Amino acid sequence: MAKKSAIERNKNRKRLVKRYKAKRAELKALARNASTTPEDRFNAQLKLAALPRNSSKVRIRNRCQLSGRSRGVYRKFGLSRIALRDLASKGQIPGMLKSSW
């Protein structure tokens, strides 16, 4: 089980990303637009840098839904490799069988 503080920190990041998504997209579009003046582009970059760091989508960490583990997480299931193997062994994931020979 992961530390509760790490899980909560990641949840906070998800909330911040959701809150600043529109503003961040608007500033990025303005900063990338070549037709705007260099001063406007520079100001957009400054405003973008002034936003909270954790409001960036790349700072969100994929975590297991059951254990909170941050490594070895399958995107399709949202589970870590360990939790996925346990559930597959118990037959709780439809269509998935643990191979054995």
PDB file of N, CA and C in Angstrom:
ATOM      1  N   MET A   1       0.844  -1.183   0.000  1.00  0.00           N
ATOM      2  CA  MET A   1       0.000   0.000   0.000  1.00  0.00           C
ATOM      3  C   MET A   1       0.886   1.241   0.000  1.00  0.00           C
ATOM      4  N   ALA A   2       0.546   2.174  -0.856  1.00  0.00           N
ATOM      5  CA  ALA A   2       1.316   3.419  -0.953  1.00  0.00           C
ATOM      6  C   ALA A   2       0.977   4.342   0.220  1.00  0.00           C
ATOM      7  N   LYS A   3       1.854   5.294   0.450  1.00  0.00           N
ATOM      8  CA  LYS A   3       1.604   6.271   1.508  1.00  0.00           C
ATOM      9  C   LYS A   3       0.373   7.093   1.167  1.00  0.00           C
ATOM     10  N   LYS A   4      -0.419   7.345   2.169  1.00  0.00           N
ATOM     11  CA  LYS A   4      -1.643   8.134   1.955  1.00  0.00           C
ATOM     12  C   LYS A   4      -1.314   9.531   1.453  1.00  0.00           C
ATOM     13  N   SER A   5      -0.204  10.091   1.922  1.00  0.00           N
ATOM     14  CA  SER A   5       0.158  11.439   1.507  1.00  0.00           C
ATOM     15  C   SER A   5       0.463  11.490   0.006  1.00  0.00           C
ATOM     16  N   ALA A   6       1.098  10.442  -0.522  1.00  0.00           N
ATOM     17  CA  ALA A   6       1.410  10.401  -1.959  1.00  0.00           C
ATOM     18  C   ALA A   6       0.142  10.280  -2.785  1.00  0.00           C
ATOM     19  N   ILE A   7      -0.795   9.481  -2.296  1.00  0.00           N
ATOM     20  CA  ILE A   7      -2.069   9.312  -3.006  1.00  0.00           C
ATOM     21  C   ILE A   7      -2.854  10.611  -2.990  1.00  0.00           C
ATOM     22  N   GLU A   8      -2.907  11.263  -1.845  1.00  0.00           N
ATOM     23  CA  GLU A   8      -3.636  12.532  -1.721  1.00  0.00           C
ATOM     24  C   GLU A   8      -2.988  13.636  -2.554  1.00  0.00           C
ATOM     25  N   ARG A   9      -1.664  13.645  -2.599  1.00  0.00           N
ATOM     26  CA  ARG A   9      -0.949  14.630  -3.409  1.00  0.00           C
ATOM     27  C   ARG A   9      -1.323  14.472  -4.884  1.00  0.00           C
ATOM     28  N   ASN A  10      -1.430  13.220  -5.328  1.00  0.00           N
ATOM     29  CA  ASN A  10      -1.796  12.960  -6.712  1.00  0.00           C
ATOM     30  C   ASN A  10      -3.247  13.381  -6.987  1.00  0.00           C
ATOM     31  N   LYS A  11      -4.124  13.152  -6.024  1.00  0.00           N
ATOM     32  CA  LYS A  11      -5.523  13.588  -6.169  1.00  0.00           C
ATOM     33  C   LYS A  11      -5.599  15.104  -6.277  1.00  0.00           C
ATOM     34  N   ASN A  12      -4.798  15.798  -5.481  1.00  0.00           N
ATOM     35  CA  ASN A  12      -4.760  17.258  -5.530  1.00  0.00           C
ATOM     36  C   ASN A  12      -4.288  17.733  -6.899  1.00  0.00           C
ATOM     37  N   ARG A  13      -3.290  17.038  -7.448  1.00  0.00           N
ATOM     38  CA  ARG A  13      -2.814  17.396  -8.785  1.00  0.00           C
ATOM     39  C   ARG A  13      -3.921  17.243  -9.814  1.00  0.00           C
ATOM     40  N   LYS A  14      -4.700  16.166  -9.719  1.00  0.00           N
ATOM     41  CA  LYS A  14      -5.799  15.951 -10.661  1.00  0.00           C
ATOM     42  C   LYS A  14      -6.833  17.076 -10.572  1.00  0.00           C
ATOM     43  N   ARG A  15      -7.114  17.517  -9.338  1.00  0.00           N
ATOM     44  CA  ARG A  15      -8.061  18.630  -9.165  1.00  0.00           C
ATOM     45  C   ARG A  15      -7.517  19.916  -9.781  1.00  0.00           C
ATOM     46  N   LEU A  16      -6.227  20.187  -9.570  1.00  0.00           N
ATOM     47  CA  LEU A  16      -5.624  21.399 -10.127  1.00  0.00           C
ATOM     48  C   LEU A  16      -5.603  21.374 -11.648  1.00  0.00           C
ATOM     49  N   VAL A  17      -5.309  20.221 -12.227  1.00  0.00           N
ATOM     50  CA  VAL A  17      -5.301  20.092 -13.693  1.00  0.00           C
ATOM     51  C   VAL A  17      -6.686  20.406 -14.240  1.00  0.00           C
ATOM     52  N   LYS A  18      -7.701  19.877 -13.567  1.00  0.00           N
ATOM     53  CA  LYS A  18      -9.081  20.098 -14.009  1.00  0.00           C
ATOM     54  C   LYS A  18      -9.455  21.583 -13.915  1.00  0.00           C
ATOM     55  N   ARG A  19      -9.015  22.234 -12.826  1.00  0.00           N
ATOM     56  CA  ARG A  19      -9.362  23.633 -12.599  1.00  0.00           C
ATOM     57  C   ARG A  19      -8.704  24.566 -13.613  1.00  0.00           C
ATOM     58  N   TYR A  20      -7.436  24.321 -13.943  1.00  0.00           N
ATOM     59  CA  TYR A  20      -6.676  25.229 -14.804  1.00  0.00           C
ATOM     60  C   TYR A  20      -6.596  24.780 -16.257  1.00  0.00           C
ATOM     61  N   LYS A  21      -7.329  23.740 -16.628  1.00  0.00           N
ATOM     62  CA  LYS A  21      -7.215  23.179 -17.978  1.00  0.00           C
ATOM     63  C   LYS A  21      -7.513  24.209 -19.063  1.00  0.00           C
ATOM     64  N   ALA A  22      -8.621  24.920 -18.943  1.00  0.00           N
ATOM     65  CA  ALA A  22      -9.030  25.876 -19.965  1.00  0.00           C
ATOM     66  C   ALA A  22      -8.044  27.050 -20.051  1.00  0.00           C
ATOM     67  N   LYS A  23      -7.664  27.581 -18.908  1.00  0.00           N
ATOM     68  CA  LYS A  23      -6.748  28.726 -18.887  1.00  0.00           C
ATOM     69  C   LYS A  23      -5.389  28.348 -19.452  1.00  0.00           C
ATOM     70  N   ARG A  24      -4.911  27.158 -19.091  1.00  0.00           N
ATOM     71  CA  ARG A  24      -3.620  26.678 -19.580  1.00  0.00           C
ATOM     72  C   ARG A  24      -3.651  26.479 -21.099  1.00  0.00           C
ATOM     73  N   ALA A  25      -4.742  25.909 -21.619  1.00  0.00           N
ATOM     74  CA  ALA A  25      -4.865  25.680 -23.057  1.00  0.00           C
ATOM     75  C   ALA A  25      -4.903  27.006 -23.817  1.00  0.00           C
ATOM     76  N   GLU A  26      -5.611  27.978 -23.259  1.00  0.00           N
ATOM     77  CA  GLU A  26      -5.702  29.299 -23.891  1.00  0.00           C
ATOM     78  C   GLU A  26      -4.333  29.975 -23.955  1.00  0.00           C
ATOM     79  N   LEU A  27      -3.596  29.945 -22.851  1.00  0.00           N
ATOM     80  CA  LEU A  27      -2.268  30.567 -22.822  1.00  0.00           C
ATOM     81  C   LEU A  27      -1.278  29.840 -23.726  1.00  0.00           C
ATOM     82  N   LYS A  28      -1.380  28.516 -23.782  1.00  0.00           N
ATOM     83  CA  LYS A  28      -0.486  27.758 -24.658  1.00  0.00           C
ATOM     84  C   LYS A  28      -0.751  28.091 -26.120  1.00  0.00           C
ATOM     85  N   ALA A  29      -2.030  28.186 -26.484  1.00  0.00           N
ATOM     86  CA  ALA A  29      -2.375  28.522 -27.861  1.00  0.00           C
ATOM     87  C   ALA A  29      -1.860  29.907 -28.223  1.00  0.00           C
ATOM     88  N   LEU A  30      -1.973  30.831 -27.305  1.00  0.00           N
ATOM     89  CA  LEU A  30      -1.492  32.192 -27.543  1.00  0.00           C
ATOM     90  C   LEU A  30       0.030  32.226 -27.662  1.00  0.00           C
ATOM     91  N   ALA A  31       0.717  31.453 -26.835  1.00  0.00           N
ATOM     92  CA  ALA A  31       2.182  31.434 -26.864  1.00  0.00           C
ATOM     93  C   ALA A  31       2.725  30.753 -28.119  1.00  0.00           C
ATOM     94  N   ARG A  32       1.984  29.803 -28.654  1.00  0.00           N
ATOM     95  CA  ARG A  32       2.442  29.075 -29.846  1.00  0.00           C
ATOM     96  C   ARG A  32       2.062  29.753 -31.151  1.00  0.00           C
ATOM     97  N   ASN A  33       1.091  30.654 -31.102  1.00  0.00           N
ATOM     98  CA  ASN A  33       0.599  31.307 -32.312  1.00  0.00           C
ATOM     99  C   ASN A  33       1.664  32.259 -32.857  1.00  0.00           C
ATOM    100  N   ALA A  34       2.123  31.992 -34.061  1.00  0.00           N
ATOM    101  CA  ALA A  34       3.187  32.797 -34.658  1.00  0.00           C
ATOM    102  C   ALA A  34       2.674  34.150 -35.150  1.00  0.00           C
ATOM    103  N   SER A  35       1.372  34.291 -35.338  1.00  0.00           N
ATOM    104  CA  SER A  35       0.831  35.545 -35.867  1.00  0.00           C
ATOM    105  C   SER A  35       0.689  36.637 -34.802  1.00  0.00           C
ATOM    106  N   THR A  36       0.772  36.271 -33.522  1.00  0.00           N
ATOM    107  CA  THR A  36       0.673  37.285 -32.474  1.00  0.00           C
ATOM    108  C   THR A  36       2.013  37.992 -32.302  1.00  0.00           C
ATOM    109  N   THR A  37       1.966  39.135 -31.659  1.00  0.00           N
ATOM    110  CA  THR A  37       3.197  39.912 -31.477  1.00  0.00           C
ATOM    111  C   THR A  37       4.116  39.209 -30.470  1.00  0.00           C
ATOM    112  N   PRO A  38       5.404  39.419 -30.586  1.00  0.00           N
ATOM    113  CA  PRO A  38       6.341  38.789 -29.646  1.00  0.00           C
ATOM    114  C   PRO A  38       6.092  39.181 -28.188  1.00  0.00           C
ATOM    115  N   GLU A  39       5.636  40.418 -27.969  1.00  0.00           N
ATOM    116  CA  GLU A  39       5.355  40.846 -26.604  1.00  0.00           C
ATOM    117  C   GLU A  39       4.193  40.055 -26.004  1.00  0.00           C
ATOM    118  N   ASP A  40       3.138  39.851 -26.810  1.00  0.00           N
ATOM    119  CA  ASP A  40       1.985  39.084 -26.340  1.00  0.00           C
ATOM    120  C   ASP A  40       2.360  37.630 -26.071  1.00  0.00           C
ATOM    121  N   ARG A  41       3.193  37.088 -26.934  1.00  0.00           N
ATOM    122  CA  ARG A  41       3.638  35.709 -26.746  1.00  0.00           C
ATOM    123  C   ARG A  41       4.464  35.580 -25.466  1.00  0.00           C
ATOM    124  N   PHE A  42       5.331  36.557 -25.240  1.00  0.00           N
ATOM    125  CA  PHE A  42       6.170  36.548 -24.047  1.00  0.00           C
ATOM    126  C   PHE A  42       5.320  36.688 -22.783  1.00  0.00           C
ATOM    127  N   ASN A  43       4.324  37.568 -22.833  1.00  0.00           N
ATOM    128  CA  ASN A  43       3.427  37.738 -21.688  1.00  0.00           C
ATOM    129  C   ASN A  43       2.627  36.471 -21.412  1.00  0.00           C
ATOM    130  N   ALA A  44       2.224  35.782 -22.480  1.00  0.00           N
ATOM    131  CA  ALA A  44       1.499  34.521 -22.311  1.00  0.00           C
ATOM    132  C   ALA A  44       2.398  33.483 -21.651  1.00  0.00           C
ATOM    133  N   GLN A  45       3.672  33.476 -22.033  1.00  0.00           N
ATOM    134  CA  GLN A  45       4.628  32.548 -21.424  1.00  0.00           C
ATOM    135  C   GLN A  45       4.812  32.862 -19.937  1.00  0.00           C
ATOM    136  N   LEU A  46       4.876  34.141 -19.603  1.00  0.00           N
ATOM    137  CA  LEU A  46       5.023  34.534 -18.198  1.00  0.00           C
ATOM    138  C   LEU A  46       3.800  34.124 -17.375  1.00  0.00           C
ATOM    139  N   LYS A  47       2.607  34.316 -17.933  1.00  0.00           N
ATOM    140  CA  LYS A  47       1.381  33.925 -17.237  1.00  0.00           C
ATOM    141  C   LYS A  47       1.307  32.412 -17.073  1.00  0.00           C
ATOM    142  N   LEU A  48       1.773  31.703 -18.100  1.00  0.00           N
ATOM    143  CA  LEU A  48       1.794  30.242 -18.043  1.00  0.00           C
ATOM    144  C   LEU A  48       2.746  29.762 -16.946  1.00  0.00           C
ATOM    145  N   ALA A  49       3.874  30.421 -16.832  1.00  0.00           N
ATOM    146  CA  ALA A  49       4.851  30.059 -15.807  1.00  0.00           C
ATOM    147  C   ALA A  49       4.353  30.417 -14.410  1.00  0.00           C
ATOM    148  N   ALA A  50       3.446  31.385 -14.324  1.00  0.00           N
ATOM    149  CA  ALA A  50       2.926  31.809 -13.026  1.00  0.00           C
ATOM    150  C   ALA A  50       1.860  30.856 -12.490  1.00  0.00           C
ATOM    151  N   LEU A  51       1.322  29.988 -13.346  1.00  0.00           N
ATOM    152  CA  LEU A  51       0.330  29.013 -12.890  1.00  0.00           C
ATOM    153  C   LEU A  51       1.006  27.990 -11.972  1.00  0.00           C
ATOM    154  N   PRO A  52       0.239  27.349 -11.105  1.00  0.00           N
ATOM    155  CA  PRO A  52       0.833  26.335 -10.226  1.00  0.00           C
ATOM    156  C   PRO A  52       1.469  25.197 -11.025  1.00  0.00           C
ATOM    157  N   ARG A  53       2.598  24.729 -10.571  1.00  0.00           N
ATOM    158  CA  ARG A  53       3.293  23.644 -11.273  1.00  0.00           C
ATOM    159  C   ARG A  53       2.446  22.389 -11.354  1.00  0.00           C
ATOM    160  N   ASN A  54       1.742  22.098 -10.274  1.00  0.00           N
ATOM    161  CA  ASN A  54       0.949  20.876 -10.240  1.00  0.00           C
ATOM    162  C   ASN A  54      -0.316  20.956 -11.085  1.00  0.00           C
ATOM    163  N   SER A  55      -0.552  22.068 -11.761  1.00  0.00           N
ATOM    164  CA  SER A  55      -1.708  22.152 -12.643  1.00  0.00           C
ATOM    165  C   SER A  55      -1.366  21.647 -14.045  1.00  0.00           C
ATOM    166  N   SER A  56      -0.132  21.214 -14.234  1.00  0.00           N
ATOM    167  CA  SER A  56       0.275  20.639 -15.510  1.00  0.00           C
ATOM    168  C   SER A  56      -0.080  19.154 -15.535  1.00  0.00           C
ATOM    169  N   LYS A  57      -0.610  18.701 -16.661  1.00  0.00           N
ATOM    170  CA  LYS A  57      -1.088  17.322 -16.777  1.00  0.00           C
ATOM    171  C   LYS A  57       0.037  16.300 -16.656  1.00  0.00           C
ATOM    172  N   VAL A  58       1.239  16.660 -17.074  1.00  0.00           N
ATOM    173  CA  VAL A  58       2.344  15.696 -17.052  1.00  0.00           C
ATOM    174  C   VAL A  58       2.804  15.361 -15.634  1.00  0.00           C
ATOM    175  N   ARG A  59       2.379  16.113 -14.644  1.00  0.00           N
ATOM    176  CA  ARG A  59       2.801  15.845 -13.262  1.00  0.00           C
ATOM    177  C   ARG A  59       1.913  14.822 -12.563  1.00  0.00           C
ATOM    178  N   ILE A  60       0.830  14.401 -13.236  1.00  0.00           N
ATOM    179  CA  ILE A  60      -0.041  13.377 -12.662  1.00  0.00           C
ATOM    180  C   ILE A  60       0.640  12.019 -12.818  1.00  0.00           C
ATOM    181  N   ARG A  61       0.632  11.248 -11.751  1.00  0.00           N
ATOM    182  CA  ARG A  61       1.263   9.933 -11.754  1.00  0.00           C
ATOM    183  C   ARG A  61       0.180   8.862 -11.848  1.00  0.00           C
ATOM    184  N   ASN A  62       0.361   7.896 -12.756  1.00  0.00           N
ATOM    185  CA  ASN A  62      -0.574   6.778 -12.823  1.00  0.00           C
ATOM    186  C   ASN A  62      -0.404   5.923 -11.580  1.00  0.00           C
ATOM    187  N   ARG A  63      -1.506   5.651 -10.904  1.00  0.00           N
ATOM    188  CA  ARG A  63      -1.465   4.846  -9.689  1.00  0.00           C
ATOM    189  C   ARG A  63      -2.528   3.759  -9.748  1.00  0.00           C
ATOM    190  N   CYS A  64      -2.240   2.655  -9.065  1.00  0.00           N
ATOM    191  CA  CYS A  64      -3.169   1.535  -8.973  1.00  0.00           C
ATOM    192  C   CYS A  64      -4.411   1.979  -8.201  1.00  0.00           C
ATOM    193  N   GLN A  65      -5.578   1.579  -8.689  1.00  0.00           N
ATOM    194  CA  GLN A  65      -6.829   1.961  -8.035  1.00  0.00           C
ATOM    195  C   GLN A  65      -7.014   1.250  -6.695  1.00  0.00           C
ATOM    196  N   LEU A  66      -6.445   0.048  -6.562  1.00  0.00           N
ATOM    197  CA  LEU A  66      -6.601  -0.713  -5.324  1.00  0.00           C
ATOM    198  C   LEU A  66      -5.562  -0.371  -4.278  1.00  0.00           C
ATOM    199  N   SER A  67      -4.302  -0.411  -4.673  1.00  0.00           N
ATOM    200  CA  SER A  67      -3.234  -0.274  -3.689  1.00  0.00           C
ATOM    201  C   SER A  67      -2.563   1.093  -3.688  1.00  0.00           C
ATOM    202  N   GLY A  68      -2.697   1.859  -4.752  1.00  0.00           N
ATOM    203  CA  GLY A  68      -2.027   3.150  -4.844  1.00  0.00           C
ATOM    204  C   GLY A  68      -0.605   3.042  -5.348  1.00  0.00           C
ATOM    205  N   ARG A  69      -0.182   1.824  -5.722  1.00  0.00           N
ATOM    206  CA  ARG A  69       1.172   1.605  -6.214  1.00  0.00           C
ATOM    207  C   ARG A  69       1.407   2.423  -7.475  1.00  0.00           C
ATOM    208  N   SER A  70       2.593   3.028  -7.584  1.00  0.00           N
ATOM    209  CA  SER A  70       2.850   3.928  -8.704  1.00  0.00           C
ATOM    210  C   SER A  70       3.629   3.267  -9.841  1.00  0.00           C
ATOM    211  N   ARG A  71       4.228   2.129  -9.582  1.00  0.00           N
ATOM    212  CA  ARG A  71       5.025   1.466 -10.620  1.00  0.00           C
ATOM    213  C   ARG A  71       4.293   0.250 -11.151  1.00  0.00           C
ATOM    214  N   GLY A  72       4.503  -0.033 -12.417  1.00  0.00           N
ATOM    215  CA  GLY A  72       3.933  -1.229 -13.025  1.00  0.00           C
ATOM    216  C   GLY A  72       2.423  -1.178 -13.127  1.00  0.00           C
ATOM    217  N   VAL A  73       1.879  -0.021 -13.515  1.00  0.00           N
ATOM    218  CA  VAL A  73       0.431   0.148 -13.609  1.00  0.00           C
ATOM    219  C   VAL A  73      -0.002   0.003 -15.061  1.00  0.00           C
ATOM    220  N   TYR A  74      -0.967  -0.886 -15.304  1.00  0.00           N
ATOM    221  CA  TYR A  74      -1.527  -1.069 -16.639  1.00  0.00           C
ATOM    222  C   TYR A  74      -2.604  -0.017 -16.868  1.00  0.00           C
ATOM    223  N   ARG A  75      -2.464   0.756 -17.944  1.00  0.00           N
ATOM    224  CA  ARG A  75      -3.416   1.832 -18.220  1.00  0.00           C
ATOM    225  C   ARG A  75      -4.807   1.293 -18.495  1.00  0.00           C
ATOM    226  N   LYS A  76      -4.873   0.179 -19.217  1.00  0.00           N
ATOM    227  CA  LYS A  76      -6.166  -0.380 -19.615  1.00  0.00           C
ATOM    228  C   LYS A  76      -7.030  -0.747 -18.406  1.00  0.00           C
ATOM    229  N   PHE A  77      -6.410  -1.247 -17.357  1.00  0.00           N
ATOM    230  CA  PHE A  77      -7.146  -1.697 -16.189  1.00  0.00           C
ATOM    231  C   PHE A  77      -7.085  -0.714 -15.029  1.00  0.00           C
ATOM    232  N   GLY A  78      -6.056   0.126 -14.997  1.00  0.00           N
ATOM    233  CA  GLY A  78      -5.872   1.032 -13.879  1.00  0.00           C
ATOM    234  C   GLY A  78      -5.397   0.306 -12.630  1.00  0.00           C
ATOM    235  N   LEU A  79      -4.762  -0.851 -12.842  1.00  0.00           N
ATOM    236  CA  LEU A  79      -4.285  -1.672 -11.733  1.00  0.00           C
ATOM    237  C   LEU A  79      -2.799  -1.942 -11.891  1.00  0.00           C
ATOM    238  N   SER A  80      -2.136  -2.177 -10.770  1.00  0.00           N
ATOM    239  CA  SER A  80      -0.727  -2.546 -10.835  1.00  0.00           C
ATOM    240  C   SER A  80      -0.621  -4.006 -11.273  1.00  0.00           C
ATOM    241  N   ARG A  81       0.568  -4.392 -11.671  1.00  0.00           N
ATOM    242  CA  ARG A  81       0.785  -5.758 -12.156  1.00  0.00           C
ATOM    243  C   ARG A  81       0.483  -6.781 -11.070  1.00  0.00           C
ATOM    244  N   ILE A  82       0.741  -6.423  -9.821  1.00  0.00           N
ATOM    245  CA  ILE A  82       0.519  -7.352  -8.711  1.00  0.00           C
ATOM    246  C   ILE A  82      -0.977  -7.528  -8.467  1.00  0.00           C
ATOM    247  N   ALA A  83      -1.703  -6.428  -8.406  1.00  0.00           N
ATOM    248  CA  ALA A  83      -3.147  -6.491  -8.178  1.00  0.00           C
ATOM    249  C   ALA A  83      -3.844  -7.174  -9.348  1.00  0.00           C
ATOM    250  N   LEU A  84      -3.368  -6.905 -10.558  1.00  0.00           N
ATOM    251  CA  LEU A  84      -3.953  -7.526 -11.746  1.00  0.00           C
ATOM    252  C   LEU A  84      -3.764  -9.037 -11.702  1.00  0.00           C
ATOM    253  N   ARG A  85      -2.588  -9.489 -11.311  1.00  0.00           N
ATOM    254  CA  ARG A  85      -2.309 -10.927 -11.246  1.00  0.00           C
ATOM    255  C   ARG A  85      -3.173 -11.602 -10.186  1.00  0.00           C
ATOM    256  N   ASP A  86      -3.329 -10.950  -9.028  1.00  0.00           N
ATOM    257  CA  ASP A  86      -4.161 -11.520  -7.966  1.00  0.00           C
ATOM    258  C   ASP A  86      -5.616 -11.656  -8.421  1.00  0.00           C
ATOM    259  N   LEU A  87      -6.142 -10.606  -9.039  1.00  0.00           N
ATOM    260  CA  LEU A  87      -7.537 -10.648  -9.491  1.00  0.00           C
ATOM    261  C   LEU A  87      -7.729 -11.656 -10.615  1.00  0.00           C
ATOM    262  N   ALA A  88      -6.742 -11.769 -11.517  1.00  0.00           N
ATOM    263  CA  ALA A  88      -6.834 -12.732 -12.607  1.00  0.00           C
ATOM    264  C   ALA A  88      -6.774 -14.159 -12.071  1.00  0.00           C
ATOM    265  N   SER A  89      -5.958 -14.387 -11.060  1.00  0.00           N
ATOM    266  CA  SER A  89      -5.854 -15.722 -10.458  1.00  0.00           C
ATOM    267  C   SER A  89      -7.160 -16.134  -9.787  1.00  0.00           C
ATOM    268  N   LYS A  90      -7.846 -15.164  -9.217  1.00  0.00           N
ATOM    269  CA  LYS A  90      -9.122 -15.436  -8.553  1.00  0.00           C
ATOM    270  C   LYS A  90     -10.281 -15.516  -9.542  1.00  0.00           C
ATOM    271  N   GLY A  91     -10.026 -15.155 -10.803  1.00  0.00           N
ATOM    272  CA  GLY A  91     -11.070 -15.204 -11.821  1.00  0.00           C
ATOM    273  C   GLY A  91     -12.023 -14.032 -11.761  1.00  0.00           C
ATOM    274  N   GLN A  92     -11.579 -12.897 -11.223  1.00  0.00           N
ATOM    275  CA  GLN A  92     -12.466 -11.749 -11.070  1.00  0.00           C
ATOM    276  C   GLN A  92     -12.390 -10.772 -12.236  1.00  0.00           C
ATOM    277  N   ILE A  93     -11.503 -11.037 -13.189  1.00  0.00           N
ATOM    278  CA  ILE A  93     -11.433 -10.203 -14.388  1.00  0.00           C
ATOM    279  C   ILE A  93     -11.973 -11.030 -15.558  1.00  0.00           C
ATOM    280  N   PRO A  94     -13.096 -10.633 -16.154  1.00  0.00           N
ATOM    281  CA  PRO A  94     -13.700 -11.420 -17.215  1.00  0.00           C
ATOM    282  C   PRO A  94     -12.774 -11.573 -18.419  1.00  0.00           C
ATOM    283  N   GLY A  95     -12.660 -12.794 -18.904  1.00  0.00           N
ATOM    284  CA  GLY A  95     -11.870 -13.073 -20.098  1.00  0.00           C
ATOM    285  C   GLY A  95     -10.388 -13.186 -19.862  1.00  0.00           C
ATOM    286  N   MET A  96      -9.923 -13.048 -18.641  1.00  0.00           N
ATOM    287  CA  MET A  96      -8.486 -13.138 -18.363  1.00  0.00           C
ATOM    288  C   MET A  96      -8.209 -14.353 -17.509  1.00  0.00           C
ATOM    289  N   LEU A  97      -7.269 -15.158 -17.986  1.00  0.00           N
ATOM    290  CA  LEU A  97      -6.853 -16.345 -17.253  1.00  0.00           C
ATOM    291  C   LEU A  97      -5.371 -16.256 -16.985  1.00  0.00           C
ATOM    292  N   LYS A  98      -4.944 -16.660 -15.810  1.00  0.00           N
ATOM    293  CA  LYS A  98      -3.524 -16.699 -15.490  1.00  0.00           C
ATOM    294  C   LYS A  98      -2.949 -17.951 -16.136  1.00  0.00           C
ATOM    295  N   SER A  99      -1.926 -17.773 -16.932  1.00  0.00           N
ATOM    296  CA  SER A  99      -1.351 -18.917 -17.625  1.00  0.00           C
ATOM    297  C   SER A  99      -0.526 -19.753 -16.661  1.00  0.00           C
ATOM    298  N   SER A 100      -0.595 -21.050 -16.857  1.00  0.00           N
ATOM    299  CA  SER A 100       0.248 -21.974 -16.092  1.00  0.00           C
ATOM    300  C   SER A 100       0.467 -23.216 -16.940  1.00  0.00           C
ATOM    301  N   TRP A 101       1.660 -23.754 -16.890  1.00  0.00           N
ATOM    302  CA  TRP A 101       1.948 -24.950 -17.677  1.00  0.00           C
ATOM    303  C   TRP A 101       2.867 -25.867 -16.945  1.00  0.00           C
TER     304      TRP A 101
END
